[in-house]
Protein backbone atom coordinates (compact mmCIF):
# COMPACT_ATOMS: atom_id res chain seq x y z
CA UNK A 1 94.19 205.88 108.38
CA UNK A 2 97.47 204.37 109.57
CA UNK A 3 100.77 204.26 107.71
CA UNK A 4 102.06 201.13 105.91
CA UNK A 5 103.22 198.28 108.18
CA UNK A 6 102.37 200.28 111.29
CA UNK A 7 101.85 197.30 113.62
CA UNK A 8 105.00 195.58 112.41
CA UNK A 9 106.99 198.79 112.76
CA UNK A 10 105.76 199.25 116.33
CA UNK A 11 106.87 195.72 117.21
CA UNK A 12 110.27 196.56 115.67
CA UNK A 13 110.57 199.68 117.83
CA UNK A 14 109.59 197.76 120.94
CA UNK A 15 111.57 194.57 120.43
CA UNK A 16 114.58 195.60 118.33
CA UNK A 17 115.09 199.26 119.21
CA UNK A 18 113.79 198.85 122.79
CA UNK A 19 112.27 202.32 122.82
CA UNK A 20 109.95 203.52 125.57
CA UNK A 21 106.27 204.08 124.82
CA UNK A 22 106.54 207.86 124.55
CA UNK A 23 109.35 207.57 121.99
CA UNK A 24 107.37 204.98 120.04
CA UNK A 25 104.38 207.33 119.92
CA UNK A 26 106.57 210.24 118.85
CA UNK A 27 108.23 208.27 116.03
CA UNK A 28 104.93 206.85 114.75
CA UNK A 29 103.30 210.27 114.88
CA UNK A 30 105.96 211.72 112.57
CA UNK A 31 105.81 208.77 110.18
CA UNK A 32 102.02 208.93 110.06
CA UNK A 33 102.15 212.66 109.39
CA UNK A 34 104.41 212.08 106.39
CA UNK A 35 101.93 209.63 104.88
CA UNK A 36 98.98 211.92 105.52
CA UNK A 37 100.88 214.51 103.52
CA UNK A 38 101.75 212.04 100.75
CA UNK A 39 98.17 210.84 100.42
CA UNK A 40 96.89 214.39 100.14
CA UNK A 41 99.56 216.23 98.20
CA UNK A 42 101.82 213.77 96.39
CA UNK A 43 100.20 212.70 93.14
CA UNK A 44 102.62 209.83 92.41
CA UNK A 45 102.14 208.17 95.78
CA UNK A 46 98.38 208.77 95.73
CA UNK A 47 98.12 206.92 92.41
CA UNK A 48 100.41 203.98 93.13
CA UNK A 49 100.81 203.64 96.90
CA UNK A 50 104.07 201.83 96.16
CA UNK A 51 106.66 202.47 98.86
CA UNK A 52 109.49 201.47 96.54
CA UNK A 53 108.63 204.39 94.25
CA UNK A 54 109.19 206.99 96.96
CA UNK A 55 112.18 209.16 96.19
CA UNK A 56 114.36 211.59 98.08
CA UNK A 57 112.52 214.48 96.43
CA UNK A 58 109.22 213.30 97.94
CA UNK A 59 110.61 213.49 101.46
CA UNK A 60 112.37 216.79 100.73
CA UNK A 61 109.07 218.27 99.59
CA UNK A 62 107.48 217.22 102.89
CA UNK A 63 110.37 218.60 104.96
CA UNK A 64 110.20 221.92 103.10
CA UNK A 65 106.50 222.06 103.94
CA UNK A 66 107.31 221.62 107.63
CA UNK A 67 109.76 224.51 107.46
CA UNK A 68 107.69 226.92 105.40
CA UNK A 69 104.14 226.17 106.51
CA UNK A 70 104.58 224.96 110.08
CA UNK A 71 107.69 227.04 110.79
CA UNK A 72 109.47 224.22 112.62
CA UNK A 73 112.86 224.81 114.25
CA UNK A 74 116.04 223.09 113.13
CA UNK A 75 115.92 220.81 116.17
CA UNK A 76 112.42 219.64 115.24
CA UNK A 77 113.49 219.18 111.63
CA UNK A 78 116.35 216.92 112.75
CA UNK A 79 114.08 214.93 115.07
CA UNK A 80 111.52 214.29 112.31
CA UNK A 81 114.25 213.32 109.84
CA UNK A 82 115.70 210.83 112.34
CA UNK A 83 112.28 209.26 112.86
CA UNK A 84 111.63 208.96 109.12
CA UNK A 85 115.07 207.50 108.56
CA UNK A 86 114.36 204.87 111.22
CA UNK A 87 111.16 203.91 109.44
CA UNK A 88 112.61 203.66 105.93
CA UNK A 89 115.61 201.67 107.16
CA UNK A 90 113.15 199.29 108.82
CA UNK A 91 111.30 198.85 105.52
CA UNK A 92 114.50 198.28 103.58
CA UNK A 93 115.97 195.88 106.13
CA UNK A 94 112.82 193.75 106.08
CA UNK A 95 112.53 193.85 102.27
CA UNK A 96 109.25 195.74 102.47
CA UNK A 97 110.60 198.45 100.20
CA UNK A 98 113.60 198.82 97.90
CA UNK A 99 113.73 202.57 98.44
CA UNK A 100 115.79 204.51 100.99
CA UNK A 101 114.62 208.08 100.32
CA UNK A 102 116.12 209.58 103.49
CA UNK A 103 119.56 207.99 103.42
CA UNK A 104 121.40 210.99 101.91
CA UNK A 105 119.43 213.73 103.66
CA UNK A 106 121.39 215.74 106.22
CA UNK A 107 120.20 217.34 109.43
CA UNK A 108 120.29 221.08 109.95
CA UNK A 109 122.65 222.89 112.26
CA UNK A 110 121.16 224.55 115.29
CA UNK A 111 121.39 228.30 114.96
CA UNK A 112 124.27 229.65 117.06
CA UNK A 113 122.03 232.59 118.02
CA UNK A 114 119.99 230.23 120.19
CA UNK A 115 122.92 230.39 122.60
CA UNK A 116 124.57 233.67 121.64
CA UNK A 117 121.38 235.66 122.18
CA UNK A 118 121.26 234.66 125.85
CA UNK A 119 124.99 234.27 126.52
CA UNK A 120 125.86 235.87 129.86
CA UNK A 121 122.25 236.06 131.04
CA UNK A 122 123.14 234.84 134.51
CA UNK A 123 124.93 238.09 135.36
CA UNK A 124 121.47 239.65 135.48
CA UNK A 125 120.21 237.00 137.90
CA UNK A 126 120.06 239.39 140.91
CA UNK A 127 117.59 241.55 139.04
CA UNK A 128 115.45 238.60 138.02
CA UNK A 129 115.33 237.24 141.57
CA UNK A 130 114.19 240.62 142.93
CA UNK A 131 111.59 241.15 140.22
CA UNK A 132 108.00 241.84 141.30
CA UNK A 133 106.53 240.83 137.94
CA UNK A 134 107.54 237.16 137.69
CA UNK A 135 106.54 234.29 139.97
CA UNK A 136 108.61 232.58 142.64
CA UNK A 137 108.63 229.40 140.56
CA UNK A 138 110.12 231.13 137.53
CA UNK A 139 112.71 232.82 139.74
CA UNK A 140 113.67 229.48 141.28
CA UNK A 141 113.98 227.91 137.83
CA UNK A 142 116.34 230.71 136.76
CA UNK A 143 118.41 230.32 139.91
CA UNK A 144 118.82 226.58 139.40
CA UNK A 145 119.53 226.88 135.67
CA UNK A 146 122.24 229.40 136.52
CA UNK A 147 123.74 226.65 138.68
CA UNK A 148 123.61 224.25 135.72
CA UNK A 149 120.80 221.93 136.79
CA UNK A 150 118.47 220.61 134.09
CA UNK A 151 114.76 221.39 134.11
CA UNK A 152 114.04 217.66 134.51
CA UNK A 153 116.27 217.42 137.57
CA UNK A 154 114.65 220.28 139.42
CA UNK A 155 111.17 218.74 139.32
CA UNK A 156 112.39 215.35 140.54
CA UNK A 157 111.39 214.17 144.05
CA UNK A 158 113.58 215.35 146.94
CA UNK A 159 115.57 217.74 144.75
CA UNK A 160 115.05 220.42 147.42
CA UNK A 161 118.00 218.94 149.37
CA UNK A 162 120.24 220.71 146.84
CA UNK A 163 119.38 223.98 148.56
CA UNK A 164 121.42 222.86 151.57
CA UNK A 165 124.38 221.62 149.51
CA UNK A 166 125.04 224.44 147.04
CA UNK A 167 127.39 227.34 147.72
CA UNK A 168 125.04 230.29 147.30
CA UNK A 169 125.88 233.97 147.08
CA UNK A 170 124.16 236.30 149.56
CA UNK A 171 121.50 237.55 147.15
CA UNK A 172 120.73 233.94 146.23
CA UNK A 173 120.41 232.95 149.90
CA UNK A 174 118.09 235.89 150.48
CA UNK A 175 115.83 234.75 147.66
CA UNK A 176 115.82 231.15 148.90
CA UNK A 177 114.74 232.30 152.38
CA UNK A 178 112.01 234.42 150.81
CA UNK A 179 110.92 231.53 148.58
CA UNK A 180 110.71 229.10 151.51
CA UNK A 181 108.75 231.57 153.62
CA UNK A 182 106.25 232.32 150.87
CA UNK A 183 105.85 228.69 149.79
CA UNK A 184 105.68 227.15 153.28
CA UNK A 185 101.87 227.18 153.45
CA UNK A 186 101.64 225.27 150.19
CA UNK A 187 104.27 222.77 151.34
CA UNK A 188 102.34 222.18 154.57
CA UNK A 189 99.08 221.77 152.68
CA UNK A 190 100.61 219.20 150.31
CA UNK A 191 102.70 217.61 153.09
CA UNK A 192 105.71 217.84 150.75
CA UNK A 193 108.94 219.83 150.92
CA UNK A 194 109.71 219.79 147.20
CA UNK A 195 110.14 223.12 145.44
CA UNK A 196 107.45 223.02 142.77
CA UNK A 197 104.01 222.00 144.00
CA UNK A 198 100.47 222.09 142.68
CA UNK A 199 98.22 224.88 143.91
CA UNK A 200 95.33 222.48 144.56
CA UNK A 201 95.47 219.86 147.28
CA UNK A 202 96.73 216.54 145.90
CA UNK A 203 98.39 214.47 148.60
CA UNK A 204 98.87 211.48 146.32
CA UNK A 205 100.73 213.50 143.66
CA UNK A 206 101.59 216.94 145.07
CA UNK A 207 104.47 217.83 142.77
CA UNK A 208 104.08 220.02 139.72
CA UNK A 209 104.84 218.11 136.52
CA UNK A 210 107.43 219.24 134.01
CA UNK A 211 104.60 220.25 131.69
CA UNK A 212 103.00 222.20 134.52
CA UNK A 213 106.23 224.05 135.23
CA UNK A 214 106.56 224.96 131.55
CA UNK A 215 103.06 226.47 131.77
CA UNK A 216 104.26 228.67 134.62
CA UNK A 217 107.21 229.84 132.53
CA UNK A 218 104.94 230.53 129.58
CA UNK A 219 102.62 232.59 131.75
CA UNK A 220 105.55 234.65 133.06
CA UNK A 221 107.17 235.14 129.64
CA UNK A 222 105.36 238.42 128.80
CA UNK A 223 106.75 239.89 132.04
CA UNK A 224 110.36 238.83 131.46
CA UNK A 225 112.70 240.14 128.76
CA UNK A 226 114.75 236.94 129.00
CA UNK A 227 113.45 234.08 126.81
CA UNK A 228 112.27 231.48 129.32
CA UNK A 229 113.59 228.45 127.44
CA UNK A 230 115.35 226.27 130.06
CA UNK A 231 117.59 224.30 127.70
CA UNK A 232 118.94 227.43 126.00
CA UNK A 233 119.54 229.20 129.30
CA UNK A 234 121.38 226.25 130.82
CA UNK A 235 123.52 225.77 127.71
CA UNK A 236 124.43 229.45 127.67
CA UNK A 237 125.29 229.37 131.38
CA UNK A 238 127.53 226.33 130.87
CA UNK A 239 129.22 227.93 127.84
CA UNK A 240 129.93 231.10 129.79
CA UNK A 241 131.36 229.16 132.74
CA UNK A 242 133.64 227.13 130.49
CA UNK A 243 134.97 230.25 128.78
CA UNK A 244 135.54 232.01 132.10
CA UNK A 245 137.16 229.07 133.92
CA UNK A 246 139.57 227.59 131.40
CA UNK A 247 142.18 227.08 134.13
CA UNK A 248 140.11 224.42 135.94
CA UNK A 249 140.74 220.71 135.52
CA UNK A 250 138.22 218.41 133.85
CA UNK A 251 137.33 216.96 137.24
CA UNK A 252 136.67 220.40 138.72
CA UNK A 253 134.55 221.40 135.73
CA UNK A 254 132.51 218.18 135.84
CA UNK A 255 131.85 218.74 139.53
CA UNK A 256 130.78 222.36 139.15
CA UNK A 257 128.65 221.78 136.05
CA UNK A 258 127.12 218.43 137.15
CA UNK A 259 128.39 216.75 133.97
CA UNK A 260 130.21 213.55 133.09
CA UNK A 261 133.36 213.81 130.95
CA UNK A 262 131.59 213.03 127.66
CA UNK A 263 129.03 215.77 128.28
CA UNK A 264 131.77 218.17 129.33
CA UNK A 265 133.60 217.64 126.03
CA UNK A 266 130.34 218.16 124.13
CA UNK A 267 129.69 221.50 125.84
CA UNK A 268 133.34 222.51 125.48
CA UNK A 269 133.09 222.01 121.71
CA UNK A 270 129.77 223.83 121.58
CA UNK A 271 131.22 226.72 123.55
CA UNK A 272 134.15 227.13 121.17
CA UNK A 273 132.00 226.89 118.04
CA UNK A 274 129.19 229.19 119.05
CA UNK A 275 130.69 231.71 121.43
CA UNK A 276 134.37 232.30 120.71
């Protein structure tokens, strides 16, 4: 069963909000999940089905369920709340409902420990790169995160050219030589020089997807004491660099961290709030 005004809402997302298909699916999934919950566990909505009778408490009850039963993180909580808010504003704007049950609800702060727990991890990078228990791909991910590249960037086509541009330390160069030697057969098989490749021959699409790379990290996690969560590790590396290089200009920091000025200011604020 779909949620109320689903087709019209999808057209709104496509034509007014101009969202991509994956975002549309994500938003509609969260809205649909709310109404599945309401139909099964909310007696008032089950009896009336009137959208205008939905109250803040009904949405709060659902959000509490997500936290207590599904154990969602604060970031997921905020994402779901944003999606629901988009839907209810759409209803209100188009006079399909007189209720705005999410309008006063606030997002949750991300726990500072998500960064603090891994702050300074990159100082242990030599040990990770020499480890015999984690794969070359996980090691390469750690190396590139320590140099402030995003996980999405490192799986993009032709990213391997970065290896010739970066200023590597000796132990990093040694690992890169080892990586290239050990991965050369796979690169020849796939006729592709990119860093992360599929193990099975696929000349039309040889590169490992982002999802595939996350599977590699998940497989290596039991053998690594460091939480293999790319976003957290990159944020912590950036925060540490900012705190240790406060004498650099904004231009120098943007160049080193691969950030624009707006992103630099965001990470600078994050660094001061969560680390200092």
